[in-house]
Amino acid sequence: GKKRYSLAIMKLLTQSYPKALTKKNKVGSQIIRYLLEQNKDSARVPGSDGNYPLHHACVSARGKKRYSLAIIKLLAQSYPKALTKKNKDGKKPLDLAYGPDGKDDYLKEGKSDAAIEFLENTYEKIKRKH
């Protein structure tokens, strides 16, 4: 069906041009935006590991930078509740964005990260609404 087709396209694109989703350009966000337009519910579907697309966007893989802020925003705006969802390891997207050492080490290091600030602010707004 449509989901498999979208997933196959996404895999092909990311395999042929992996930097498309991490570079500070509009290519990656255009790809994600297009896929969301084709299947609006795709941001609401977790994988077998409990990870939503937003979880994947927030985690660093094999030492590589996570997805761009634009992609994180697109996914969070498409399904804001994903920010509150825990995967099978009990991690929310924000937990993954902090990195393997967690929030405390992130804060200790005094880092500043626009994606984390966006996720924190959006998460707080969602919590206040519920």
N, C-alpha and C. Protein backbone atom coordinates (compact mmCIF):
# COMPACT_ATOMS: atom_id res chain seq x y z
N GLY A 1 0.81 -1.18 0.00
CA GLY A 1 0.00 0.00 0.00
C GLY A 1 0.86 1.26 0.00
N LYS A 2 0.19 2.34 0.26
CA LYS A 2 0.84 3.65 0.23
C LYS A 2 1.97 3.79 1.25
N LYS A 3 1.79 3.19 2.44
CA LYS A 3 2.81 3.29 3.49
C LYS A 3 4.10 2.61 3.05
N ARG A 4 3.98 1.41 2.47
CA ARG A 4 5.17 0.69 2.03
C ARG A 4 5.89 1.45 0.92
N TYR A 5 5.11 2.02 0.01
CA TYR A 5 5.69 2.79 -1.09
C TYR A 5 6.46 4.00 -0.55
N SER A 6 5.85 4.74 0.39
CA SER A 6 6.51 5.90 0.98
C SER A 6 7.78 5.49 1.72
N LEU A 7 7.71 4.37 2.46
CA LEU A 7 8.87 3.90 3.19
C LEU A 7 9.98 3.49 2.24
N ALA A 8 9.63 2.81 1.16
CA ALA A 8 10.63 2.39 0.18
C ALA A 8 11.31 3.59 -0.46
N ILE A 9 10.53 4.62 -0.76
CA ILE A 9 11.10 5.84 -1.34
C ILE A 9 12.04 6.50 -0.34
N MET A 10 11.60 6.59 0.90
CA MET A 10 12.41 7.23 1.93
C MET A 10 13.73 6.48 2.13
N LYS A 11 13.65 5.15 2.18
CA LYS A 11 14.87 4.36 2.33
C LYS A 11 15.81 4.57 1.15
N LEU A 12 15.27 4.57 -0.04
CA LEU A 12 16.08 4.77 -1.23
C LEU A 12 16.76 6.14 -1.19
N LEU A 13 16.00 7.16 -0.87
CA LEU A 13 16.56 8.52 -0.81
C LEU A 13 17.64 8.64 0.26
N THR A 14 17.38 8.10 1.43
CA THR A 14 18.36 8.24 2.51
C THR A 14 19.60 7.38 2.27
N GLN A 15 19.44 6.26 1.55
CA GLN A 15 20.60 5.44 1.24
C GLN A 15 21.45 6.08 0.14
N SER A 16 20.80 6.70 -0.83
CA SER A 16 21.55 7.29 -1.93
C SER A 16 22.13 8.66 -1.56
N TYR A 17 21.49 9.36 -0.63
CA TYR A 17 21.97 10.67 -0.22
C TYR A 17 21.71 10.86 1.27
N PRO A 18 22.48 10.16 2.13
CA PRO A 18 22.22 10.18 3.57
C PRO A 18 22.28 11.57 4.20
N LYS A 19 23.07 12.45 3.63
CA LYS A 19 23.20 13.79 4.21
C LYS A 19 21.97 14.66 3.96
N ALA A 20 21.05 14.20 3.12
CA ALA A 20 19.86 15.00 2.79
C ALA A 20 19.05 15.36 4.03
N LEU A 21 19.05 14.49 5.00
CA LEU A 21 18.23 14.71 6.19
C LEU A 21 18.96 15.40 7.32
N THR A 22 20.28 15.54 7.20
CA THR A 22 21.03 16.16 8.29
C THR A 22 21.65 17.49 7.89
N LYS A 23 21.78 17.73 6.61
CA LYS A 23 22.37 18.99 6.15
C LYS A 23 21.44 20.16 6.44
N LYS A 24 22.04 21.31 6.59
CA LYS A 24 21.23 22.50 6.82
C LYS A 24 20.80 23.06 5.47
N ASN A 25 19.94 22.31 4.83
CA ASN A 25 19.36 22.76 3.58
C ASN A 25 17.89 22.35 3.58
N LYS A 26 17.22 22.61 2.52
CA LYS A 26 15.79 22.35 2.50
C LYS A 26 15.43 21.00 1.90
N VAL A 27 16.40 20.27 1.39
CA VAL A 27 16.10 19.00 0.71
C VAL A 27 15.43 18.02 1.67
N GLY A 28 16.03 17.78 2.82
CA GLY A 28 15.48 16.81 3.77
C GLY A 28 14.09 17.18 4.24
N SER A 29 13.91 18.44 4.59
CA SER A 29 12.59 18.85 5.07
C SER A 29 11.55 18.80 3.96
N GLN A 30 11.97 19.03 2.72
CA GLN A 30 11.04 18.90 1.59
C GLN A 30 10.62 17.45 1.40
N ILE A 31 11.56 16.53 1.58
CA ILE A 31 11.24 15.10 1.46
C ILE A 31 10.23 14.71 2.54
N ILE A 32 10.52 15.08 3.78
CA ILE A 32 9.62 14.74 4.88
C ILE A 32 8.26 15.41 4.69
N ARG A 33 8.27 16.67 4.30
CA ARG A 33 7.01 17.39 4.07
C ARG A 33 6.18 16.67 3.00
N TYR A 34 6.84 16.27 1.92
CA TYR A 34 6.14 15.56 0.84
C TYR A 34 5.54 14.25 1.36
N LEU A 35 6.32 13.47 2.09
CA LEU A 35 5.82 12.21 2.61
C LEU A 35 4.65 12.41 3.57
N LEU A 36 4.72 13.46 4.38
CA LEU A 36 3.61 13.76 5.29
C LEU A 36 2.37 14.20 4.53
N GLU A 37 2.56 14.92 3.42
CA GLU A 37 1.42 15.32 2.60
C GLU A 37 0.76 14.10 1.96
N GLN A 38 1.57 13.12 1.58
CA GLN A 38 1.04 11.91 0.95
C GLN A 38 0.32 11.01 1.94
N ASN A 39 0.80 11.04 3.18
CA ASN A 39 0.20 10.19 4.21
C ASN A 39 0.30 10.94 5.54
N LYS A 40 -0.71 11.73 5.83
CA LYS A 40 -0.71 12.59 7.01
C LYS A 40 -0.57 11.83 8.32
N ASP A 41 -1.01 10.58 8.34
CA ASP A 41 -0.93 9.80 9.57
C ASP A 41 0.44 9.16 9.81
N SER A 42 1.35 9.29 8.87
CA SER A 42 2.64 8.61 9.01
C SER A 42 3.43 9.06 10.24
N ALA A 43 3.25 10.28 10.69
CA ALA A 43 3.95 10.75 11.89
C ALA A 43 3.35 10.15 13.16
N ARG A 44 2.18 9.52 13.03
CA ARG A 44 1.47 8.94 14.18
C ARG A 44 1.70 7.44 14.33
N VAL A 45 2.52 6.87 13.48
CA VAL A 45 2.68 5.41 13.47
C VAL A 45 4.03 5.02 14.06
N PRO A 46 4.00 4.32 15.21
CA PRO A 46 5.27 3.87 15.79
C PRO A 46 5.76 2.60 15.11
N GLY A 47 7.05 2.38 15.19
CA GLY A 47 7.62 1.13 14.71
C GLY A 47 7.49 0.06 15.78
N SER A 48 8.00 -1.11 15.49
CA SER A 48 7.89 -2.23 16.44
C SER A 48 8.66 -1.95 17.73
N ASP A 49 9.61 -1.02 17.67
CA ASP A 49 10.40 -0.65 18.85
C ASP A 49 9.73 0.47 19.65
N GLY A 50 8.54 0.89 19.19
CA GLY A 50 7.83 1.96 19.89
C GLY A 50 8.27 3.35 19.50
N ASN A 51 9.24 3.43 18.59
CA ASN A 51 9.72 4.74 18.13
C ASN A 51 8.80 5.31 17.06
N TYR A 52 8.40 6.56 17.28
CA TYR A 52 7.66 7.31 16.28
C TYR A 52 8.69 7.98 15.38
N PRO A 53 8.29 8.50 14.21
CA PRO A 53 9.26 9.21 13.37
C PRO A 53 10.01 10.30 14.12
N LEU A 54 9.34 10.97 15.06
CA LEU A 54 10.02 12.02 15.83
C LEU A 54 11.14 11.45 16.69
N HIS A 55 10.96 10.25 17.24
CA HIS A 55 12.05 9.60 17.98
C HIS A 55 13.27 9.44 17.08
N HIS A 56 13.01 8.92 15.87
CA HIS A 56 14.11 8.70 14.93
C HIS A 56 14.80 10.01 14.56
N ALA A 57 14.03 11.06 14.43
CA ALA A 57 14.59 12.36 14.05
C ALA A 57 15.49 12.92 15.14
N CYS A 58 15.24 12.53 16.38
CA CYS A 58 15.95 13.12 17.51
C CYS A 58 17.21 12.37 17.93
N VAL A 59 17.35 11.14 17.49
CA VAL A 59 18.48 10.34 17.96
C VAL A 59 19.66 10.46 17.00
N SER A 60 20.85 10.48 17.58
CA SER A 60 22.07 10.42 16.76
C SER A 60 22.32 8.97 16.44
N ALA A 61 22.65 8.71 15.20
CA ALA A 61 22.91 7.32 14.79
C ALA A 61 24.37 7.16 14.42
N ARG A 62 24.99 6.18 15.02
CA ARG A 62 26.40 5.87 14.73
C ARG A 62 27.28 7.12 14.72
N GLY A 63 27.04 7.99 15.70
CA GLY A 63 27.87 9.17 15.84
C GLY A 63 27.55 10.30 14.88
N LYS A 64 26.58 10.08 13.99
CA LYS A 64 26.22 11.13 13.04
C LYS A 64 25.16 12.04 13.64
N LYS A 65 25.15 13.26 13.19
CA LYS A 65 24.19 14.25 13.66
C LYS A 65 22.77 13.80 13.37
N ARG A 66 21.87 14.13 14.29
CA ARG A 66 20.46 13.79 14.06
C ARG A 66 19.91 14.67 12.94
N TYR A 67 18.64 14.47 12.64
CA TYR A 67 18.00 15.26 11.59
C TYR A 67 18.02 16.75 11.91
N SER A 68 17.77 17.55 10.91
CA SER A 68 17.80 19.00 11.08
C SER A 68 16.63 19.49 11.93
N LEU A 69 16.77 20.68 12.46
CA LEU A 69 15.71 21.32 13.25
C LEU A 69 14.44 21.42 12.43
N ALA A 70 14.55 21.72 11.15
CA ALA A 70 13.36 21.85 10.29
C ALA A 70 12.57 20.55 10.24
N ILE A 71 13.24 19.42 10.17
CA ILE A 71 12.56 18.13 10.13
C ILE A 71 11.94 17.80 11.48
N ILE A 72 12.67 18.09 12.55
CA ILE A 72 12.14 17.86 13.89
C ILE A 72 10.87 18.69 14.08
N LYS A 73 10.90 19.94 13.63
CA LYS A 73 9.71 20.80 13.75
C LYS A 73 8.54 20.25 12.93
N LEU A 74 8.81 19.83 11.70
CA LEU A 74 7.76 19.28 10.85
C LEU A 74 7.08 18.08 11.50
N LEU A 75 7.87 17.18 12.03
CA LEU A 75 7.32 15.97 12.65
C LEU A 75 6.58 16.30 13.94
N ALA A 76 7.13 17.21 14.73
CA ALA A 76 6.48 17.60 15.99
C ALA A 76 5.17 18.32 15.73
N GLN A 77 5.13 19.12 14.69
CA GLN A 77 3.90 19.84 14.35
C GLN A 77 2.86 18.90 13.74
N SER A 78 3.32 17.86 13.05
CA SER A 78 2.40 16.90 12.45
C SER A 78 1.72 16.03 13.50
N TYR A 79 2.46 15.71 14.56
CA TYR A 79 1.91 14.88 15.64
C TYR A 79 2.57 15.28 16.95
N PRO A 80 2.12 16.39 17.55
CA PRO A 80 2.73 16.90 18.79
C PRO A 80 2.76 15.89 19.93
N LYS A 81 1.75 15.01 20.02
CA LYS A 81 1.71 14.04 21.11
C LYS A 81 2.88 13.07 21.08
N ALA A 82 3.56 12.96 19.93
CA ALA A 82 4.73 12.08 19.85
C ALA A 82 5.79 12.50 20.86
N LEU A 83 5.81 13.77 21.22
CA LEU A 83 6.77 14.26 22.22
C LEU A 83 6.57 13.59 23.58
N THR A 84 5.36 13.14 23.85
CA THR A 84 5.05 12.54 25.15
C THR A 84 5.11 11.01 25.13
N LYS A 85 5.30 10.45 23.95
CA LYS A 85 5.28 8.99 23.80
C LYS A 85 6.63 8.38 24.13
N LYS A 86 6.60 7.31 24.90
CA LYS A 86 7.83 6.58 25.24
C LYS A 86 7.97 5.37 24.32
N ASN A 87 9.20 5.10 23.92
CA ASN A 87 9.45 3.90 23.13
C ASN A 87 9.57 2.70 24.07
N LYS A 88 9.93 1.55 23.55
CA LYS A 88 10.01 0.34 24.38
C LYS A 88 11.12 0.41 25.42
N ASP A 89 12.06 1.33 25.24
CA ASP A 89 13.12 1.53 26.22
C ASP A 89 12.74 2.60 27.25
N GLY A 90 11.50 3.11 27.15
CA GLY A 90 11.04 4.13 28.09
C GLY A 90 11.54 5.53 27.77
N LYS A 91 11.99 5.75 26.55
CA LYS A 91 12.56 7.04 26.16
C LYS A 91 11.60 7.84 25.29
N LYS A 92 11.48 9.13 25.61
CA LYS A 92 10.72 10.06 24.78
C LYS A 92 11.70 10.68 23.77
N PRO A 93 11.19 11.31 22.72
CA PRO A 93 12.09 11.94 21.75
C PRO A 93 13.11 12.90 22.39
N LEU A 94 12.66 13.67 23.36
CA LEU A 94 13.58 14.61 24.02
C LEU A 94 14.71 13.88 24.74
N ASP A 95 14.40 12.74 25.36
CA ASP A 95 15.44 11.94 26.02
C ASP A 95 16.51 11.54 25.01
N LEU A 96 16.07 11.15 23.82
CA LEU A 96 17.01 10.74 22.78
C LEU A 96 17.81 11.92 22.26
N ALA A 97 17.19 13.08 22.19
CA ALA A 97 17.89 14.27 21.70
C ALA A 97 19.03 14.69 22.63
N TYR A 98 18.85 14.45 23.93
CA TYR A 98 19.92 14.80 24.88
C TYR A 98 21.18 13.97 24.64
N GLY A 99 21.03 12.84 24.02
CA GLY A 99 22.17 11.98 23.74
C GLY A 99 22.28 10.86 24.75
N PRO A 100 23.25 9.98 24.54
CA PRO A 100 23.37 8.78 25.38
C PRO A 100 23.68 9.09 26.85
N ASP A 101 24.24 10.24 27.12
CA ASP A 101 24.60 10.58 28.51
C ASP A 101 23.47 11.27 29.26
N GLY A 102 22.38 11.58 28.56
CA GLY A 102 21.20 12.12 29.21
C GLY A 102 21.23 13.62 29.48
N LYS A 103 20.13 14.07 30.06
CA LYS A 103 19.90 15.50 30.29
C LYS A 103 20.93 16.11 31.25
N ASP A 104 21.25 15.40 32.32
CA ASP A 104 22.17 15.96 33.31
C ASP A 104 23.52 16.31 32.71
N ASP A 105 24.07 15.39 31.91
CA ASP A 105 25.36 15.66 31.27
C ASP A 105 25.23 16.77 30.24
N TYR A 106 24.12 16.78 29.52
CA TYR A 106 23.88 17.85 28.55
C TYR A 106 23.91 19.20 29.26
N LEU A 107 23.23 19.29 30.40
CA LEU A 107 23.18 20.56 31.15
C LEU A 107 24.53 20.91 31.75
N LYS A 108 25.24 19.90 32.28
CA LYS A 108 26.56 20.12 32.87
C LYS A 108 27.53 20.70 31.85
N GLU A 109 27.44 20.21 30.63
CA GLU A 109 28.36 20.66 29.59
C GLU A 109 28.02 22.06 29.11
N GLY A 110 26.87 22.58 29.53
CA GLY A 110 26.48 23.94 29.17
C GLY A 110 26.22 24.12 27.67
N LYS A 111 25.82 23.05 27.05
CA LYS A 111 25.57 23.11 25.60
C LYS A 111 24.30 23.91 25.32
N SER A 112 24.24 24.44 24.13
CA SER A 112 23.03 25.10 23.66
C SER A 112 22.69 24.47 22.31
N ASP A 113 21.46 24.06 22.17
CA ASP A 113 21.05 23.37 20.96
C ASP A 113 19.63 23.81 20.62
N ALA A 114 19.45 24.37 19.44
CA ALA A 114 18.14 24.90 19.03
C ALA A 114 17.08 23.81 18.97
N ALA A 115 17.45 22.62 18.52
CA ALA A 115 16.48 21.52 18.43
C ALA A 115 16.01 21.11 19.83
N ILE A 116 16.94 21.01 20.76
CA ILE A 116 16.57 20.63 22.13
C ILE A 116 15.71 21.72 22.76
N GLU A 117 16.07 22.96 22.55
CA GLU A 117 15.26 24.06 23.10
C GLU A 117 13.84 24.02 22.52
N PHE A 118 13.72 23.78 21.23
CA PHE A 118 12.40 23.66 20.59
C PHE A 118 11.61 22.51 21.21
N LEU A 119 12.26 21.35 21.34
CA LEU A 119 11.59 20.17 21.90
C LEU A 119 11.16 20.41 23.35
N GLU A 120 12.03 21.03 24.15
CA GLU A 120 11.69 21.32 25.55
C GLU A 120 10.49 22.26 25.64
N ASN A 121 10.52 23.33 24.87
CA ASN A 121 9.43 24.31 24.89
C ASN A 121 8.11 23.70 24.42
N THR A 122 8.17 22.93 23.35
CA THR A 122 6.96 22.31 22.81
C THR A 122 6.42 21.27 23.78
N TYR A 123 7.30 20.50 24.39
CA TYR A 123 6.89 19.49 25.37
C TYR A 123 6.19 20.16 26.56
N GLU A 124 6.74 21.25 27.03
CA GLU A 124 6.14 21.97 28.17
C GLU A 124 4.74 22.50 27.80
N LYS A 125 4.59 22.99 26.59
CA LYS A 125 3.27 23.48 26.15
C LYS A 125 2.25 22.34 26.13
N ILE A 126 2.67 21.20 25.66
CA ILE A 126 1.78 20.04 25.59
C ILE A 126 1.38 19.60 27.01
N LYS A 127 2.36 19.55 27.90
CA LYS A 127 2.08 19.15 29.28
C LYS A 127 1.09 20.10 29.95
N ARG A 128 1.24 21.39 29.69
CA ARG A 128 0.32 22.39 30.30
C ARG A 128 -1.10 22.23 29.80
N LYS A 129 -1.26 21.80 28.55
CA LYS A 129 -2.60 21.63 27.98
C LYS A 129 -3.33 20.44 28.57
N HIS A 130 -2.58 19.46 29.09
CA HIS A 130 -3.23 18.22 29.59
C HIS A 130 -3.17 18.13 31.08
